[in-house]
Amino acid sequence: MIKICPNCNIEFECTEDENCACMKVKTNPEKLEVVRNRYNACLCLNCLQTLCGEEKNNDLQE
């Protein structure tokens, strides 16, 4: 399913199952909960990695 990321507004594919790319993001449960509470829709993988601190940025962006 094609979706629009609510953070960066780009189109991305979401499979809405355990094979979705977002299931591969490694983060702690607290950061993931903050992201889930802030957004009511799926995020693209790039935004999810950044907001969950998987890459260089360890703080949740405003």
C-alpha atoms as a PDB file:
ATOM      1  CA  MET A   1       0.000   0.000   0.000  1.00  0.00           C
ATOM      2  CA  ILE A   2       1.341   3.451  -0.924  1.00  0.00           C
ATOM      3  CA  LYS A   3       1.236   5.946   1.948  1.00  0.00           C
ATOM      4  CA  ILE A   4       2.378   9.512   2.606  1.00  0.00           C
ATOM      5  CA  CYS A   5       4.764  10.019   5.517  1.00  0.00           C
ATOM      6  CA  PRO A   6       3.199  12.530   7.952  1.00  0.00           C
ATOM      7  CA  ASN A   7       6.658  13.787   8.914  1.00  0.00           C
ATOM      8  CA  CYS A   8       8.314  14.480   5.527  1.00  0.00           C
ATOM      9  CA  ASN A   9       5.364  14.111   3.115  1.00  0.00           C
ATOM     10  CA  ILE A  10       7.061  11.643   0.765  1.00  0.00           C
ATOM     11  CA  GLU A  11       5.315   8.605  -0.687  1.00  0.00           C
ATOM     12  CA  PHE A  12       6.479   5.197   0.490  1.00  0.00           C
ATOM     13  CA  GLU A  13       5.305   1.602   0.365  1.00  0.00           C
ATOM     14  CA  CYS A  14       3.931   0.052   3.549  1.00  0.00           C
ATOM     15  CA  THR A  15       3.157  -3.663   3.580  1.00  0.00           C
ATOM     16  CA  GLU A  16       1.305  -3.395   6.926  1.00  0.00           C
ATOM     17  CA  ASP A  17       2.670  -6.716   8.160  1.00  0.00           C
ATOM     18  CA  GLU A  18       5.742  -8.265   9.777  1.00  0.00           C
ATOM     19  CA  ASN A  19       7.632  -7.923   6.474  1.00  0.00           C
ATOM     20  CA  CYS A  20       7.338  -4.125   6.431  1.00  0.00           C
ATOM     21  CA  ALA A  21      10.677  -2.297   6.483  1.00  0.00           C
ATOM     22  CA  CYS A  22       9.721  -0.481   9.686  1.00  0.00           C
ATOM     23  CA  MET A  23       9.774  -3.785  11.572  1.00  0.00           C
ATOM     24  CA  LYS A  24      13.553  -3.852  11.069  1.00  0.00           C
ATOM     25  CA  VAL A  25      14.161  -0.570  12.939  1.00  0.00           C
ATOM     26  CA  LYS A  26      16.024  -1.212  16.167  1.00  0.00           C
ATOM     27  CA  THR A  27      15.263   1.209  18.989  1.00  0.00           C
ATOM     28  CA  ASN A  28      14.254   1.192  22.612  1.00  0.00           C
ATOM     29  CA  PRO A  29      10.554   0.864  23.493  1.00  0.00           C
ATOM     30  CA  GLU A  30      10.388   4.342  25.055  1.00  0.00           C
ATOM     31  CA  LYS A  31      11.459   6.124  21.859  1.00  0.00           C
ATOM     32  CA  LEU A  32       9.116   4.006  19.775  1.00  0.00           C
ATOM     33  CA  GLU A  33       6.217   4.866  22.098  1.00  0.00           C
ATOM     34  CA  VAL A  34       6.942   8.609  21.766  1.00  0.00           C
ATOM     35  CA  VAL A  35       6.879   8.308  17.960  1.00  0.00           C
ATOM     36  CA  ARG A  36       3.652   6.279  18.046  1.00  0.00           C
ATOM     37  CA  ASN A  37       1.999   8.882  20.285  1.00  0.00           C
ATOM     38  CA  ARG A  38       3.119  11.780  18.087  1.00  0.00           C
ATOM     39  CA  TYR A  39       2.006  10.348  14.725  1.00  0.00           C
ATOM     40  CA  ASN A  40      -1.260   8.589  13.963  1.00  0.00           C
ATOM     41  CA  ALA A  41      -0.018   7.137  10.660  1.00  0.00           C
ATOM     42  CA  CYS A  42       2.934   5.141   9.357  1.00  0.00           C
ATOM     43  CA  LEU A  43       6.243   6.927   8.831  1.00  0.00           C
ATOM     44  CA  CYS A  44       8.685   6.293   6.013  1.00  0.00           C
ATOM     45  CA  LEU A  45      11.710   4.231   6.975  1.00  0.00           C
ATOM     46  CA  ASN A  46      14.085   7.204   6.838  1.00  0.00           C
ATOM     47  CA  CYS A  47      11.985   9.281   9.251  1.00  0.00           C
ATOM     48  CA  LEU A  48      11.375   6.316  11.522  1.00  0.00           C
ATOM     49  CA  GLN A  49      15.107   5.581  11.733  1.00  0.00           C
ATOM     50  CA  THR A  50      15.902   9.226  12.429  1.00  0.00           C
ATOM     51  CA  LEU A  51      13.142   9.819  14.974  1.00  0.00           C
ATOM     52  CA  CYS A  52      13.839   6.574  16.810  1.00  0.00           C
ATOM     53  CA  GLY A  53      17.538   7.349  16.968  1.00  0.00           C
ATOM     54  CA  GLU A  54      18.742   4.359  14.983  1.00  0.00           C
ATOM     55  CA  GLU A  55      21.178   6.491  13.020  1.00  0.00           C
ATOM     56  CA  LYS A  56      23.485   9.274  14.284  1.00  0.00           C
ATOM     57  CA  ASN A  57      20.663  11.342  15.798  1.00  0.00           C
ATOM     58  CA  ASN A  58      19.833   9.978  19.247  1.00  0.00           C
ATOM     59  CA  ASP A  59      17.234  12.597  20.171  1.00  0.00           C
ATOM     60  CA  LEU A  60      13.656  12.770  18.987  1.00  0.00           C
ATOM     61  CA  GLN A  61      13.339  15.678  16.551  1.00  0.00           C
ATOM     62  CA  GLU A  62      10.701  18.320  17.127  1.00  0.00           C
END
